[in-house]
């Protein structure tokens, strides 16, 4: 995500925050737009999932999700009440975690509400970590589907490992998977993909997606030899796209072990849950906030 987009989204989220009895809050109606949801009905479903996550973690829902009623203008000086929810930072974080991961705003919000400090550099770093985790998960799923269909085409576990290795060799300009592990300092018993930067993970996934598509479409692609040849070709073509932009996958530095990144982010989420402030259960309406009433 580009730095200027992060800066713009940060300003948008901060502009909609307000303090209620010493607790930093956002209203769900405002958060709906900030997270890229056009319909309230769809956003309510995400809120419900977030409430379930809150309850599952052993946290009291009412401490973080407060039902309120807001009066809105309908024209001609008339007003009508609409439902809304006052949310703590932790509630917003859970909503982001349960939102549509394809939305750029969701990736930003997952970081924004998890990071207590507003330092721009930390936000940018964490968003990049989320994108890398998502890319790694996508590659895992694509390879799972790929292995499943080629088993039906006469390829066993050893054959799948060879096909995947030959694909790596094509992508990395002749370097084998073992060569790349040595170059990046990865032990032989760890997956190479866990130490690759996001762009290389996505390149591997793209090449595998193409091979998966071709195998599904062409019933004549049977056996290790034919499927291996197809996979090598697709990896070479993806490599060609990268090298035309001056990107050589074999020369990119190793990234942090993806499993360590995942553990660190989960640990951060738990710290946020323990340390976040809670909405008072017996709080009175905030008279300083126009148009709000407890519902």
C-alpha atoms as a PDB file:
ATOM      1  CA  UNK A   1       0.000   0.000   0.000  1.00  0.00           C
ATOM      2  CA  UNK A   2       1.424   3.371  -1.011  1.00  0.00           C
ATOM      3  CA  UNK A   3       2.555   5.802   1.666  1.00  0.00           C
ATOM      4  CA  UNK A   4       0.209   8.561   0.514  1.00  0.00           C
ATOM      5  CA  UNK A   5      -2.790   6.213   0.744  1.00  0.00           C
ATOM      6  CA  UNK A   6      -1.828   5.217   4.284  1.00  0.00           C
ATOM      7  CA  UNK A   7      -1.453   8.870   5.262  1.00  0.00           C
ATOM      8  CA  UNK A   8      -4.853   9.753   3.784  1.00  0.00           C
ATOM      9  CA  UNK A   9      -6.614   6.824   5.474  1.00  0.00           C
ATOM     10  CA  UNK A  10      -4.965   7.689   8.803  1.00  0.00           C
ATOM     11  CA  UNK A  11      -6.377  11.203   8.618  1.00  0.00           C
ATOM     12  CA  UNK A  12      -9.844   9.877   7.742  1.00  0.00           C
ATOM     13  CA  UNK A  13      -9.926   7.450  10.682  1.00  0.00           C
ATOM     14  CA  UNK A  14      -8.627  10.022  13.159  1.00  0.00           C
ATOM     15  CA  UNK A  15     -11.168  12.595  11.995  1.00  0.00           C
ATOM     16  CA  UNK A  16     -14.063  10.260  12.897  1.00  0.00           C
ATOM     17  CA  UNK A  17     -12.756   9.334  16.349  1.00  0.00           C
ATOM     18  CA  UNK A  18     -14.172  10.980  19.480  1.00  0.00           C
ATOM     19  CA  UNK A  19     -13.864  10.565  23.227  1.00  0.00           C
ATOM     20  CA  UNK A  20     -16.706   9.192  25.337  1.00  0.00           C
ATOM     21  CA  UNK A  21     -16.113   9.223  29.102  1.00  0.00           C
ATOM     22  CA  UNK A  22     -12.354   8.998  28.584  1.00  0.00           C
ATOM     23  CA  UNK A  23     -12.537   6.199  26.001  1.00  0.00           C
ATOM     24  CA  UNK A  24     -11.561   6.634  22.350  1.00  0.00           C
ATOM     25  CA  UNK A  25     -14.566   5.625  20.214  1.00  0.00           C
ATOM     26  CA  UNK A  26     -15.913   5.399  16.693  1.00  0.00           C
ATOM     27  CA  UNK A  27     -19.533   5.069  15.564  1.00  0.00           C
ATOM     28  CA  UNK A  28     -20.362   2.070  13.390  1.00  0.00           C
ATOM     29  CA  UNK A  29     -22.133   4.204  10.777  1.00  0.00           C
ATOM     30  CA  UNK A  30     -18.946   6.194  10.273  1.00  0.00           C
ATOM     31  CA  UNK A  31     -16.772   3.076  10.332  1.00  0.00           C
ATOM     32  CA  UNK A  32     -18.994   1.494   7.675  1.00  0.00           C
ATOM     33  CA  UNK A  33     -17.995   4.123   5.130  1.00  0.00           C
ATOM     34  CA  UNK A  34     -14.352   4.140   6.238  1.00  0.00           C
ATOM     35  CA  UNK A  35     -14.120   0.378   5.641  1.00  0.00           C
ATOM     36  CA  UNK A  36     -15.653   0.578   2.173  1.00  0.00           C
ATOM     37  CA  UNK A  37     -19.104  -0.895   2.899  1.00  0.00           C
ATOM     38  CA  UNK A  38     -21.937   0.772   0.986  1.00  0.00           C
ATOM     39  CA  UNK A  39     -24.836  -1.071   2.649  1.00  0.00           C
ATOM     40  CA  UNK A  40     -25.530  -0.990   6.391  1.00  0.00           C
ATOM     41  CA  UNK A  41     -27.167  -4.423   6.201  1.00  0.00           C
ATOM     42  CA  UNK A  42     -23.906  -5.972   5.002  1.00  0.00           C
ATOM     43  CA  UNK A  43     -21.859  -4.153   7.602  1.00  0.00           C
ATOM     44  CA  UNK A  44     -24.142  -5.336  10.416  1.00  0.00           C
ATOM     45  CA  UNK A  45     -23.189  -8.916   9.521  1.00  0.00           C
ATOM     46  CA  UNK A  46     -19.528  -8.039  10.028  1.00  0.00           C
ATOM     47  CA  UNK A  47     -20.345  -6.424  13.390  1.00  0.00           C
ATOM     48  CA  UNK A  48     -22.136  -9.597  14.485  1.00  0.00           C
ATOM     49  CA  UNK A  49     -19.096 -11.708  13.575  1.00  0.00           C
ATOM     50  CA  UNK A  50     -16.904  -9.309  15.547  1.00  0.00           C
ATOM     51  CA  UNK A  51     -19.199  -9.646  18.572  1.00  0.00           C
ATOM     52  CA  UNK A  52     -18.906 -13.421  18.338  1.00  0.00           C
ATOM     53  CA  UNK A  53     -15.107 -13.122  18.258  1.00  0.00           C
ATOM     54  CA  UNK A  54     -15.259 -10.831  21.279  1.00  0.00           C
ATOM     55  CA  UNK A  55     -17.386 -13.326  23.209  1.00  0.00           C
ATOM     56  CA  UNK A  56     -15.197 -16.264  22.180  1.00  0.00           C
ATOM     57  CA  UNK A  57     -12.140 -14.490  23.575  1.00  0.00           C
ATOM     58  CA  UNK A  58     -13.893 -14.241  26.949  1.00  0.00           C
ATOM     59  CA  UNK A  59     -14.397 -10.482  26.727  1.00  0.00           C
ATOM     60  CA  UNK A  60     -17.727  -8.858  27.657  1.00  0.00           C
ATOM     61  CA  UNK A  61     -19.405  -7.646  24.453  1.00  0.00           C
ATOM     62  CA  UNK A  62     -21.101  -4.662  26.095  1.00  0.00           C
ATOM     63  CA  UNK A  63     -17.729  -3.352  27.214  1.00  0.00           C
ATOM     64  CA  UNK A  64     -16.824  -2.673  23.602  1.00  0.00           C
ATOM     65  CA  UNK A  65     -20.047  -2.611  21.556  1.00  0.00           C
ATOM     66  CA  UNK A  66     -22.680  -0.158  22.813  1.00  0.00           C
ATOM     67  CA  UNK A  67     -26.025   0.070  21.008  1.00  0.00           C
ATOM     68  CA  UNK A  68     -27.099   3.705  20.543  1.00  0.00           C
ATOM     69  CA  UNK A  69     -29.750   5.651  18.643  1.00  0.00           C
ATOM     70  CA  UNK A  70     -28.864   8.568  16.419  1.00  0.00           C
ATOM     71  CA  UNK A  71     -31.247  11.177  15.008  1.00  0.00           C
ATOM     72  CA  UNK A  72     -30.652  12.036  11.351  1.00  0.00           C
ATOM     73  CA  UNK A  73     -32.227  14.640   9.117  1.00  0.00           C
ATOM     74  CA  UNK A  74     -34.633  13.442   6.419  1.00  0.00           C
ATOM     75  CA  UNK A  75     -35.234  16.860   4.857  1.00  0.00           C
ATOM     76  CA  UNK A  76     -37.766  19.637   5.567  1.00  0.00           C
ATOM     77  CA  UNK A  77     -36.434  19.893   9.139  1.00  0.00           C
ATOM     78  CA  UNK A  78     -37.729  16.380   9.867  1.00  0.00           C
ATOM     79  CA  UNK A  79     -35.608  13.834  11.709  1.00  0.00           C
ATOM     80  CA  UNK A  80     -35.825  10.136  12.290  1.00  0.00           C
ATOM     81  CA  UNK A  81     -33.946   7.746  14.590  1.00  0.00           C
ATOM     82  CA  UNK A  82     -31.483   5.217  13.209  1.00  0.00           C
ATOM     83  CA  UNK A  83     -29.601   2.434  14.956  1.00  0.00           C
ATOM     84  CA  UNK A  84     -25.882   2.794  15.521  1.00  0.00           C
ATOM     85  CA  UNK A  85     -23.179   1.192  17.655  1.00  0.00           C
ATOM     86  CA  UNK A  86     -20.538   2.989  19.694  1.00  0.00           C
ATOM     87  CA  UNK A  87     -17.278   1.061  19.337  1.00  0.00           C
ATOM     88  CA  UNK A  88     -14.019   0.975  21.273  1.00  0.00           C
ATOM     89  CA  UNK A  89     -10.698   0.635  19.473  1.00  0.00           C
ATOM     90  CA  UNK A  90     -10.755  -3.105  20.273  1.00  0.00           C
ATOM     91  CA  UNK A  91     -14.249  -3.477  18.808  1.00  0.00           C
ATOM     92  CA  UNK A  92     -13.103  -1.705  15.641  1.00  0.00           C
ATOM     93  CA  UNK A  93     -10.109  -4.035  15.465  1.00  0.00           C
ATOM     94  CA  UNK A  94     -12.355  -7.122  15.690  1.00  0.00           C
ATOM     95  CA  UNK A  95     -14.616  -5.709  12.967  1.00  0.00           C
ATOM     96  CA  UNK A  96     -11.594  -5.177  10.725  1.00  0.00           C
ATOM     97  CA  UNK A  97     -10.426  -8.730  11.424  1.00  0.00           C
ATOM     98  CA  UNK A  98     -13.828 -10.055  10.319  1.00  0.00           C
ATOM     99  CA  UNK A  99     -14.176  -7.757   7.302  1.00  0.00           C
ATOM    100  CA  UNK A 100     -13.672  -8.435   3.616  1.00  0.00           C
ATOM    101  CA  UNK A 101      -9.883  -8.998   3.248  1.00  0.00           C
ATOM    102  CA  UNK A 102      -9.995  -7.913  -0.402  1.00  0.00           C
ATOM    103  CA  UNK A 103     -10.829  -4.338   0.629  1.00  0.00           C
ATOM    104  CA  UNK A 104      -7.797  -2.071   0.878  1.00  0.00           C
ATOM    105  CA  UNK A 105      -9.460  -0.222   3.755  1.00  0.00           C
ATOM    106  CA  UNK A 106      -9.725  -3.454   5.777  1.00  0.00           C
ATOM    107  CA  UNK A 107      -5.980  -4.161   5.568  1.00  0.00           C
ATOM    108  CA  UNK A 108      -5.320  -0.628   6.758  1.00  0.00           C
ATOM    109  CA  UNK A 109      -7.868  -0.820   9.598  1.00  0.00           C
ATOM    110  CA  UNK A 110      -6.444  -4.092  10.928  1.00  0.00           C
ATOM    111  CA  UNK A 111      -3.191  -2.266  11.520  1.00  0.00           C
ATOM    112  CA  UNK A 112      -4.607   1.097  12.535  1.00  0.00           C
ATOM    113  CA  UNK A 113      -6.718  -0.255  15.377  1.00  0.00           C
ATOM    114  CA  UNK A 114      -4.096  -2.765  16.544  1.00  0.00           C
ATOM    115  CA  UNK A 115      -1.263  -0.292  16.819  1.00  0.00           C
ATOM    116  CA  UNK A 116      -1.738   1.964  19.832  1.00  0.00           C
ATOM    117  CA  UNK A 117       0.831   4.455  18.676  1.00  0.00           C
ATOM    118  CA  UNK A 118      -0.025   6.472  15.571  1.00  0.00           C
ATOM    119  CA  UNK A 119       3.505   6.382  14.174  1.00  0.00           C
ATOM    120  CA  UNK A 120       3.238   6.205  10.418  1.00  0.00           C
ATOM    121  CA  UNK A 121       6.227   3.897  10.006  1.00  0.00           C
ATOM    122  CA  UNK A 122       4.743   1.248  12.303  1.00  0.00           C
ATOM    123  CA  UNK A 123       1.433   1.313  10.456  1.00  0.00           C
ATOM    124  CA  UNK A 124       3.165   0.912   7.113  1.00  0.00           C
ATOM    125  CA  UNK A 125       5.290  -1.984   8.383  1.00  0.00           C
ATOM    126  CA  UNK A 126       2.333  -3.832   9.877  1.00  0.00           C
ATOM    127  CA  UNK A 127       0.198  -3.430   6.759  1.00  0.00           C
ATOM    128  CA  UNK A 128       3.032  -4.938   4.730  1.00  0.00           C
ATOM    129  CA  UNK A 129       3.155  -7.851   7.169  1.00  0.00           C
ATOM    130  CA  UNK A 130      -0.587  -8.439   6.757  1.00  0.00           C
ATOM    131  CA  UNK A 131      -0.258  -8.424   2.979  1.00  0.00           C
ATOM    132  CA  UNK A 132       2.591 -10.944   3.169  1.00  0.00           C
ATOM    133  CA  UNK A 133       0.644 -13.240   5.504  1.00  0.00           C
ATOM    134  CA  UNK A 134      -2.357 -13.119   3.186  1.00  0.00           C
ATOM    135  CA  UNK A 135      -0.175 -13.873   0.163  1.00  0.00           C
ATOM    136  CA  UNK A 136       1.415 -16.851   1.947  1.00  0.00           C
ATOM    137  CA  UNK A 137      -1.988 -18.203   2.920  1.00  0.00           C
ATOM    138  CA  UNK A 138      -3.193 -17.834  -0.658  1.00  0.00           C
ATOM    139  CA  UNK A 139      -0.160 -19.750  -1.990  1.00  0.00           C
ATOM    140  CA  UNK A 140      -0.788 -22.550   0.498  1.00  0.00           C
ATOM    141  CA  UNK A 141      -4.399 -22.866  -0.655  1.00  0.00           C
ATOM    142  CA  UNK A 142      -3.463 -22.762  -4.362  1.00  0.00           C
ATOM    143  CA  UNK A 143      -0.832 -25.484  -3.860  1.00  0.00           C
ATOM    144  CA  UNK A 144      -3.354 -27.568  -1.925  1.00  0.00           C
ATOM    145  CA  UNK A 145      -5.790 -27.406  -4.844  1.00  0.00           C
ATOM    146  CA  UNK A 146      -2.997 -28.073  -7.332  1.00  0.00           C
ATOM    147  CA  UNK A 147      -1.751 -31.155  -5.488  1.00  0.00           C
ATOM    148  CA  UNK A 148      -5.303 -32.459  -5.231  1.00  0.00           C
ATOM    149  CA  UNK A 149      -6.025 -32.325  -8.951  1.00  0.00           C
ATOM    150  CA  UNK A 150      -2.663 -33.676 -10.131  1.00  0.00           C
ATOM    151  CA  UNK A 151      -3.031 -36.670  -7.791  1.00  0.00           C
ATOM    152  CA  UNK A 152      -6.083 -37.475  -9.911  1.00  0.00           C
ATOM    153  CA  UNK A 153      -3.821 -37.238 -12.983  1.00  0.00           C
ATOM    154  CA  UNK A 154      -1.388 -39.888 -11.780  1.00  0.00           C
ATOM    155  CA  UNK A 155       1.119 -37.783  -9.810  1.00  0.00           C
ATOM    156  CA  UNK A 156       2.118 -38.961  -6.318  1.00  0.00           C
ATOM    157  CA  UNK A 157       3.612 -36.994  -3.413  1.00  0.00           C
ATOM    158  CA  UNK A 158       7.161 -37.339  -4.697  1.00  0.00           C
ATOM    159  CA  UNK A 159       6.077 -36.234  -8.160  1.00  0.00           C
ATOM    160  CA  UNK A 160       4.335 -33.166  -6.746  1.00  0.00           C
ATOM    161  CA  UNK A 161       7.480 -32.218  -4.817  1.00  0.00           C
ATOM    162  CA  UNK A 162       9.567 -32.517  -7.990  1.00  0.00           C
ATOM    163  CA  UNK A 163       7.079 -30.448 -10.023  1.00  0.00           C
ATOM    164  CA  UNK A 164       7.081 -27.717  -7.408  1.00  0.00           C
ATOM    165  CA  UNK A 165      10.882 -27.771  -7.219  1.00  0.00           C
ATOM    166  CA  UNK A 166      11.229 -27.525 -11.007  1.00  0.00           C
ATOM    167  CA  UNK A 167       8.831 -24.591 -10.943  1.00  0.00           C
ATOM    168  CA  UNK A 168      11.066 -22.864  -8.393  1.00  0.00           C
ATOM    169  CA  UNK A 169      14.102 -23.507 -10.569  1.00  0.00           C
ATOM    170  CA  UNK A 170      12.383 -21.829 -13.533  1.00  0.00           C
ATOM    171  CA  UNK A 171      11.236 -18.874 -11.419  1.00  0.00           C
ATOM    172  CA  UNK A 172      14.673 -18.322  -9.852  1.00  0.00           C
ATOM    173  CA  UNK A 173      16.620 -18.372 -13.112  1.00  0.00           C
ATOM    174  CA  UNK A 174      18.092 -21.851 -12.777  1.00  0.00           C
ATOM    175  CA  UNK A 175      18.657 -21.871  -9.022  1.00  0.00           C
ATOM    176  CA  UNK A 176      17.092 -24.884  -7.322  1.00  0.00           C
ATOM    177  CA  UNK A 177      14.981 -24.703  -4.172  1.00  0.00           C
ATOM    178  CA  UNK A 178      17.987 -26.003  -2.238  1.00  0.00           C
ATOM    179  CA  UNK A 179      20.222 -23.340  -3.813  1.00  0.00           C
ATOM    180  CA  UNK A 180      17.804 -20.601  -2.765  1.00  0.00           C
ATOM    181  CA  UNK A 181      17.577 -21.937   0.782  1.00  0.00           C
ATOM    182  CA  UNK A 182      21.365 -21.799   1.106  1.00  0.00           C
ATOM    183  CA  UNK A 183      21.478 -18.316  -0.405  1.00  0.00           C
ATOM    184  CA  UNK A 184      18.788 -16.995   1.969  1.00  0.00           C
ATOM    185  CA  UNK A 185      20.023 -18.910   5.015  1.00  0.00           C
ATOM    186  CA  UNK A 186      16.956 -21.144   5.285  1.00  0.00           C
ATOM    187  CA  UNK A 187      17.354 -24.581   6.844  1.00  0.00           C
ATOM    188  CA  UNK A 188      16.432 -27.553   4.664  1.00  0.00           C
ATOM    189  CA  UNK A 189      13.509 -28.564   6.896  1.00  0.00           C
ATOM    190  CA  UNK A 190      11.749 -25.173   6.498  1.00  0.00           C
ATOM    191  CA  UNK A 191       9.595 -24.181   3.495  1.00  0.00           C
ATOM    192  CA  UNK A 192      11.371 -21.692   1.222  1.00  0.00           C
ATOM    193  CA  UNK A 193       8.146 -19.712   0.746  1.00  0.00           C
ATOM    194  CA  UNK A 194       8.097 -18.844   4.462  1.00  0.00           C
ATOM    195  CA  UNK A 195      11.183 -16.661   3.925  1.00  0.00           C
ATOM    196  CA  UNK A 196      10.339 -15.075   0.581  1.00  0.00           C
ATOM    197  CA  UNK A 197       9.251 -11.434   0.162  1.00  0.00           C
ATOM    198  CA  UNK A 198       5.638 -10.760  -0.752  1.00  0.00           C
ATOM    199  CA  UNK A 199       6.243 -10.183  -4.465  1.00  0.00           C
ATOM    200  CA  UNK A 200       7.992 -13.557  -4.861  1.00  0.00           C
ATOM    201  CA  UNK A 201       5.258 -15.367  -2.940  1.00  0.00           C
ATOM    202  CA  UNK A 202       2.676 -13.803  -5.239  1.00  0.00           C
ATOM    203  CA  UNK A 203       4.749 -14.752  -8.288  1.00  0.00           C
ATOM    204  CA  UNK A 204       4.857 -18.394  -7.165  1.00  0.00           C
ATOM    205  CA  UNK A 205       1.133 -18.306  -6.525  1.00  0.00           C
ATOM    206  CA  UNK A 206       0.375 -16.754  -9.915  1.00  0.00           C
ATOM    207  CA  UNK A 207       2.418 -19.372 -11.785  1.00  0.00           C
ATOM    208  CA  UNK A 208       0.758 -22.179  -9.809  1.00  0.00           C
ATOM    209  CA  UNK A 209      -2.685 -20.699 -10.461  1.00  0.00           C
ATOM    210  CA  UNK A 210      -1.968 -20.737 -14.203  1.00  0.00           C
ATOM    211  CA  UNK A 211      -0.827 -24.369 -14.096  1.00  0.00           C
ATOM    212  CA  UNK A 212      -3.854 -25.313 -12.009  1.00  0.00           C
ATOM    213  CA  UNK A 213      -6.148 -23.643 -14.530  1.00  0.00           C
ATOM    214  CA  UNK A 214      -4.486 -25.369 -17.493  1.00  0.00           C
ATOM    215  CA  UNK A 215      -4.663 -28.795 -15.838  1.00  0.00           C
ATOM    216  CA  UNK A 216      -8.350 -28.309 -15.105  1.00  0.00           C
ATOM    217  CA  UNK A 217      -9.050 -27.191 -18.679  1.00  0.00           C
ATOM    218  CA  UNK A 218      -6.889 -29.746 -20.539  1.00  0.00           C
ATOM    219  CA  UNK A 219      -7.742 -33.374 -19.827  1.00  0.00           C
ATOM    220  CA  UNK A 220      -4.673 -34.408 -21.848  1.00  0.00           C
ATOM    221  CA  UNK A 221      -2.349 -33.039 -19.162  1.00  0.00           C
ATOM    222  CA  UNK A 222      -1.767 -36.358 -17.433  1.00  0.00           C
ATOM    223  CA  UNK A 223       1.281 -37.611 -15.574  1.00  0.00           C
ATOM    224  CA  UNK A 224       4.299 -35.951 -14.043  1.00  0.00           C
ATOM    225  CA  UNK A 225       6.224 -35.229 -17.245  1.00  0.00           C
ATOM    226  CA  UNK A 226       3.523 -33.188 -18.993  1.00  0.00           C
ATOM    227  CA  UNK A 227       2.375 -31.323 -15.888  1.00  0.00           C
ATOM    228  CA  UNK A 228       5.976 -30.581 -14.889  1.00  0.00           C
ATOM    229  CA  UNK A 229       6.688 -29.135 -18.319  1.00  0.00           C
ATOM    230  CA  UNK A 230       3.596 -26.937 -18.114  1.00  0.00           C
ATOM    231  CA  UNK A 231       4.522 -25.709 -14.634  1.00  0.00           C
ATOM    232  CA  UNK A 232       8.093 -24.890 -15.646  1.00  0.00           C
ATOM    233  CA  UNK A 233       6.830 -22.916 -18.647  1.00  0.00           C
ATOM    234  CA  UNK A 234       4.421 -20.879 -16.527  1.00  0.00           C
ATOM    235  CA  UNK A 235       7.103 -20.060 -13.969  1.00  0.00           C
ATOM    236  CA  UNK A 236       9.500 -18.956 -16.726  1.00  0.00           C
ATOM    237  CA  UNK A 237       6.826 -16.659 -18.152  1.00  0.00           C
ATOM    238  CA  UNK A 238       6.075 -15.158 -14.735  1.00  0.00           C
ATOM    239  CA  UNK A 239       9.802 -14.662 -14.230  1.00  0.00           C
ATOM    240  CA  UNK A 240       9.877 -12.868 -17.583  1.00  0.00           C
ATOM    241  CA  UNK A 241       7.233 -10.418 -16.385  1.00  0.00           C
ATOM    242  CA  UNK A 242       9.330  -9.654 -13.305  1.00  0.00           C
ATOM    243  CA  UNK A 243      12.686  -9.318 -15.062  1.00  0.00           C
ATOM    244  CA  UNK A 244      11.198  -6.897 -17.585  1.00  0.00           C
ATOM    245  CA  UNK A 245      10.624  -4.620 -14.584  1.00  0.00           C
ATOM    246  CA  UNK A 246      14.155  -5.181 -13.322  1.00  0.00           C
ATOM    247  CA  UNK A 247      13.024  -7.605 -10.595  1.00  0.00           C
ATOM    248  CA  UNK A 248      15.139 -10.758 -10.271  1.00  0.00           C
ATOM    249  CA  UNK A 249      13.560 -13.078  -7.649  1.00  0.00           C
ATOM    250  CA  UNK A 250      16.844 -14.859  -6.882  1.00  0.00           C
ATOM    251  CA  UNK A 251      18.464 -11.551  -5.915  1.00  0.00           C
ATOM    252  CA  UNK A 252      15.818 -10.334  -3.479  1.00  0.00           C
ATOM    253  CA  UNK A 253      16.777 -10.537   0.215  1.00  0.00           C
ATOM    254  CA  UNK A 254      15.147 -12.994   2.595  1.00  0.00           C
ATOM    255  CA  UNK A 255      12.147 -11.833   4.595  1.00  0.00           C
ATOM    256  CA  UNK A 256      11.443 -12.674   8.229  1.00  0.00           C
ATOM    257  CA  UNK A 257      10.128 -16.178   8.904  1.00  0.00           C
ATOM    258  CA  UNK A 258       6.406 -15.913   8.185  1.00  0.00           C
ATOM    259  CA  UNK A 259       5.578 -18.114  11.178  1.00  0.00           C
ATOM    260  CA  UNK A 260       7.356 -15.675  13.511  1.00  0.00           C
ATOM    261  CA  UNK A 261       5.443 -12.792  11.945  1.00  0.00           C
ATOM    262  CA  UNK A 262       2.166 -14.643  12.451  1.00  0.00           C
ATOM    263  CA  UNK A 263       2.951 -15.418  16.101  1.00  0.00           C
ATOM    264  CA  UNK A 264       3.984 -11.825  16.785  1.00  0.00           C
ATOM    265  CA  UNK A 265       0.762 -10.437  15.319  1.00  0.00           C
ATOM    266  CA  UNK A 266      -1.377 -12.872  17.302  1.00  0.00           C
ATOM    267  CA  UNK A 267       0.501 -11.927  20.466  1.00  0.00           C
ATOM    268  CA  UNK A 268      -0.068  -8.249  19.678  1.00  0.00           C
ATOM    269  CA  UNK A 269      -3.791  -8.885  19.310  1.00  0.00           C
ATOM    270  CA  UNK A 270      -3.900 -10.500  22.757  1.00  0.00           C
ATOM    271  CA  UNK A 271      -2.039  -7.553  24.307  1.00  0.00           C
ATOM    272  CA  UNK A 272      -4.518  -5.190  22.682  1.00  0.00           C
ATOM    273  CA  UNK A 273      -7.421  -7.173  24.126  1.00  0.00           C
ATOM    274  CA  UNK A 274      -5.972  -7.085  27.642  1.00  0.00           C
ATOM    275  CA  UNK A 275      -4.882  -3.472  27.577  1.00  0.00           C
ATOM    276  CA  UNK A 276      -7.738  -1.738  25.797  1.00  0.00           C
ATOM    277  CA  UNK A 277     -10.086   0.541  27.719  1.00  0.00           C
ATOM    278  CA  UNK A 278     -13.696  -0.489  28.082  1.00  0.00           C
ATOM    279  CA  UNK A 279     -16.935   1.389  27.741  1.00  0.00           C
ATOM    280  CA  UNK A 280     -18.662   1.812  31.123  1.00  0.00           C
ATOM    281  CA  UNK A 281     -21.659  -0.515  31.328  1.00  0.00           C
ATOM    282  CA  UNK A 282     -23.728   2.095  33.126  1.00  0.00           C
ATOM    283  CA  UNK A 283     -22.579   5.086  31.107  1.00  0.00           C
ATOM    284  CA  UNK A 284     -25.032   7.904  30.560  1.00  0.00           C
ATOM    285  CA  UNK A 285     -25.730   9.576  27.196  1.00  0.00           C
ATOM    286  CA  UNK A 286     -22.926  11.834  26.036  1.00  0.00           C
ATOM    287  CA  UNK A 287     -24.546  15.261  25.968  1.00  0.00           C
ATOM    288  CA  UNK A 288     -21.483  16.738  24.320  1.00  0.00           C
ATOM    289  CA  UNK A 289     -22.068  14.641  21.201  1.00  0.00           C
ATOM    290  CA  UNK A 290     -25.033  16.056  19.258  1.00  0.00           C
ATOM    291  CA  UNK A 291     -27.725  13.703  18.058  1.00  0.00           C
ATOM    292  CA  UNK A 292     -26.726  10.721  20.226  1.00  0.00           C
ATOM    293  CA  UNK A 293     -28.886   8.946  22.724  1.00  0.00           C
ATOM    294  CA  UNK A 294     -28.442   5.601  24.431  1.00  0.00           C
ATOM    295  CA  UNK A 295     -30.559   2.910  22.859  1.00  0.00           C
END
